[in-house]
Protein backbone atom coordinates (compact mmCIF):
# COMPACT_ATOMS: atom_id res chain seq x y z
CA UNK A 1 90.71 90.47 86.93
CA UNK A 2 90.53 87.00 88.44
CA UNK A 3 91.15 88.00 92.05
CA UNK A 4 88.54 90.74 92.12
CA UNK A 5 85.53 89.17 90.42
CA UNK A 6 84.50 86.27 88.22
CA UNK A 7 82.21 88.49 86.13
CA UNK A 8 83.07 89.20 82.51
CA UNK A 9 82.48 92.77 81.31
CA UNK A 10 80.15 93.21 78.35
CA UNK A 11 81.58 96.53 77.23
CA UNK A 12 85.19 97.04 76.35
CA UNK A 13 85.06 100.86 76.40
CA UNK A 14 85.08 103.15 79.43
CA UNK A 15 81.71 104.57 80.51
CA UNK A 16 80.48 108.00 79.50
CA UNK A 17 80.05 110.15 76.43
CA UNK A 18 83.74 110.14 75.55
CA UNK A 19 84.36 106.48 76.31
CA UNK A 20 84.22 105.41 72.68
CA UNK A 21 86.93 107.79 71.57
CA UNK A 22 90.39 106.20 71.33
CA UNK A 23 92.83 107.87 73.63
CA UNK A 24 96.57 107.64 73.70
CA UNK A 25 98.05 107.20 77.15
CA UNK A 26 101.28 108.82 78.23
CA UNK A 27 104.16 106.69 79.50
CA UNK A 28 103.17 107.64 83.04
CA UNK A 29 99.55 106.61 82.35
CA UNK A 30 100.62 103.20 81.05
CA UNK A 31 102.72 102.52 84.17
CA UNK A 32 99.95 103.80 86.43
CA UNK A 33 97.43 101.44 84.79
CA UNK A 34 99.72 98.44 85.32
CA UNK A 35 100.25 99.39 88.96
CA UNK A 36 96.51 99.82 89.52
CA UNK A 37 95.78 96.43 87.93
CA UNK A 38 98.17 94.82 90.40
CA UNK A 39 96.76 96.76 93.37
CA UNK A 40 93.12 96.00 92.60
CA UNK A 41 93.73 92.35 91.81
CA UNK A 42 95.48 91.63 95.11
CA UNK A 43 93.44 94.12 97.16
CA UNK A 44 96.42 95.90 98.66
CA UNK A 45 96.73 99.57 99.57
CA UNK A 46 99.28 101.92 98.08
CA UNK A 47 101.43 101.89 101.22
CA UNK A 48 101.39 98.08 101.33
CA UNK A 49 102.46 97.90 97.68
CA UNK A 50 105.29 100.37 98.29
CA UNK A 51 106.48 98.20 101.19
CA UNK A 52 106.41 95.10 98.97
CA UNK A 53 108.39 96.94 96.24
CA UNK A 54 111.02 97.97 98.80
CA UNK A 55 111.24 94.42 100.09
CA UNK A 56 111.61 93.04 96.54
CA UNK A 57 114.31 95.60 95.76
CA UNK A 58 116.38 94.58 98.78
CA UNK A 59 116.31 90.89 97.79
CA UNK A 60 118.55 89.42 95.13
CA UNK A 61 116.94 88.64 91.80
CA UNK A 62 114.48 90.25 89.42
CA UNK A 63 112.53 92.88 91.36
CA UNK A 64 109.37 92.40 89.29
CA UNK A 65 109.26 88.64 89.77
CA UNK A 66 110.09 88.94 93.48
CA UNK A 67 107.25 91.46 93.87
CA UNK A 68 104.77 89.03 92.30
CA UNK A 69 106.11 86.19 94.47
CA UNK A 70 105.64 88.28 97.63
CA UNK A 71 102.06 89.10 96.65
CA UNK A 72 101.27 85.49 95.70
CA UNK A 73 102.62 84.15 99.00
CA UNK A 74 100.17 86.24 101.02
CA UNK A 75 97.67 84.06 102.88
CA UNK A 76 94.65 85.61 101.15
CA UNK A 77 96.16 84.87 97.72
CA UNK A 78 96.96 81.29 98.70
CA UNK A 79 93.41 80.68 99.97
CA UNK A 80 92.00 82.10 96.72
CA UNK A 81 94.36 80.04 94.53
CA UNK A 82 93.46 76.88 96.46
CA UNK A 83 89.80 77.47 95.55
CA UNK A 84 88.63 77.90 99.14
CA UNK A 85 87.16 81.32 98.28
CA UNK A 86 85.60 82.73 95.09
CA UNK A 87 87.62 85.99 95.24
CA UNK A 88 90.58 87.39 97.12
CA UNK A 89 88.19 89.69 98.97
CA UNK A 90 86.18 86.69 100.18
CA UNK A 91 89.44 84.97 101.16
CA UNK A 92 90.35 88.02 103.27
CA UNK A 93 87.02 87.77 105.06
CA UNK A 94 87.42 84.03 105.71
CA UNK A 95 90.83 84.67 107.24
CA UNK A 96 89.63 87.64 109.31
CA UNK A 97 86.75 85.61 110.76
CA UNK A 98 89.11 82.84 111.87
CA UNK A 99 87.87 80.07 109.56
CA UNK A 100 91.40 78.95 108.60
CA UNK A 101 94.45 77.57 110.39
CA UNK A 102 98.04 77.73 109.19
CA UNK A 103 100.28 75.03 110.67
CA UNK A 104 97.63 74.40 113.38
CA UNK A 105 97.60 78.08 114.44
CA UNK A 106 94.67 80.42 113.91
CA UNK A 107 95.86 83.27 111.71
CA UNK A 108 93.57 86.28 111.27
CA UNK A 109 95.92 88.46 109.22
CA UNK A 110 95.29 88.28 105.43
CA UNK A 111 98.76 89.67 104.63
CA UNK A 112 100.50 86.83 106.53
CA UNK A 113 103.44 85.64 104.41
CA UNK A 114 103.25 81.90 103.86
CA UNK A 115 106.41 79.88 103.45
CA UNK A 116 107.08 76.62 101.61
CA UNK A 117 105.70 73.57 103.47
CA UNK A 118 103.00 75.61 105.25
CA UNK A 119 99.70 73.75 105.64
CA UNK A 120 96.43 75.69 105.35
CA UNK A 121 93.48 73.85 106.95
CA UNK A 122 89.85 74.75 107.61
CA UNK A 123 89.09 75.00 111.32
CA UNK A 124 87.05 72.23 112.96
CA UNK A 125 83.99 74.43 113.45
CA UNK A 126 80.99 73.04 111.56
CA UNK A 127 80.09 76.45 110.15
CA UNK A 128 83.59 76.92 108.71
CA UNK A 129 83.64 73.47 107.10
CA UNK A 130 80.18 73.93 105.53
CA UNK A 131 81.01 77.38 104.17
CA UNK A 132 84.33 76.47 102.62
CA UNK A 133 83.10 73.12 101.25
CA UNK A 134 80.29 75.05 99.51
CA UNK A 135 82.87 77.43 98.02
CA UNK A 136 84.98 74.49 96.84
CA UNK A 137 81.94 72.81 95.23
CA UNK A 138 80.94 76.01 93.40
CA UNK A 139 84.49 76.73 92.35
CA UNK A 140 84.76 77.20 88.59
CA UNK A 141 88.36 78.22 88.92
CA UNK A 142 91.30 77.03 86.88
CA UNK A 143 93.30 74.11 88.27
CA UNK A 144 95.48 74.55 91.35
CA UNK A 145 98.83 76.22 90.52
CA UNK A 146 101.92 73.98 90.59
CA UNK A 147 103.33 75.56 93.79
CA UNK A 148 100.21 74.49 95.76
CA UNK A 149 98.37 71.24 96.39
CA UNK A 150 94.80 70.88 97.68
CA UNK A 151 92.82 67.98 99.11
CA UNK A 152 89.04 68.31 98.69
CA UNK A 153 88.34 65.51 101.18
CA UNK A 154 90.20 67.06 104.12
CA UNK A 155 89.82 70.69 102.94
CA UNK A 156 93.53 71.30 103.39
CA UNK A 157 96.17 72.86 101.20
CA UNK A 158 99.94 72.67 101.14
CA UNK A 159 102.35 75.34 99.93
CA UNK A 160 104.96 73.31 98.04
CA UNK A 161 107.24 76.16 97.11
CA UNK A 162 107.47 79.66 95.68
CA UNK A 163 105.49 80.44 92.52
CA UNK A 164 107.24 81.06 89.22
CA UNK A 165 106.20 83.87 86.84
CA UNK A 166 104.28 81.83 84.19
CA UNK A 167 101.98 80.36 86.87
CA UNK A 168 100.84 83.76 88.17
CA UNK A 169 98.10 84.11 85.55
CA UNK A 170 97.90 87.91 85.48
CA UNK A 171 98.28 89.73 82.20
CA UNK A 172 100.56 92.55 83.27
CA UNK A 173 104.09 93.79 82.84
CA UNK A 174 105.75 93.87 86.24
CA UNK A 175 108.73 95.83 84.89
CA UNK A 176 106.46 98.82 84.28
CA UNK A 177 105.39 98.66 87.92
CA UNK A 178 109.01 98.63 89.08
CA UNK A 179 109.70 101.61 86.79
CA UNK A 180 106.67 103.42 88.21
CA UNK A 181 108.07 103.10 91.72
CA UNK A 182 111.69 103.82 90.73
CA UNK A 183 111.15 107.53 91.45
CA UNK A 184 109.10 107.04 94.63
CA UNK A 185 111.03 104.33 96.48
């Protein structure tokens, strides 16, 4: 999961004595796994995810794609995708500690919803600049998504627009997540 860690697992089976045995998941289990993948990748709680599903349902368009767009437009996701942090968890901490400015305002809420044409800049503190420039140098991440642009010289990023589904980069079926919440929401 790219947002959680950059480590690659060596084993493909679950731990324990019975981990090597193939097991068939129920339909509920399949949907639950997809939902958990989404939750753990973006680092959101169950109640936050339910709120995002409700918000996506009320908007016009495909609920699954709108859900992914809402999660990708969170400030912590944007900071991670720009390469300013190695993981989404680290991006949350950078935001919480006040290292970043959005449109010249200090934002300390990781769930802040960015909009197109928002500018994300590192604060002028020397400590902030050194920390984030080190993260950018060590970044072995894939190139910046098409809905974002990043300048390594000024350590600033621009949100060009809303992300489309192929650029998300997660291997999951968002329709199963919408089906999972169809009974709960």
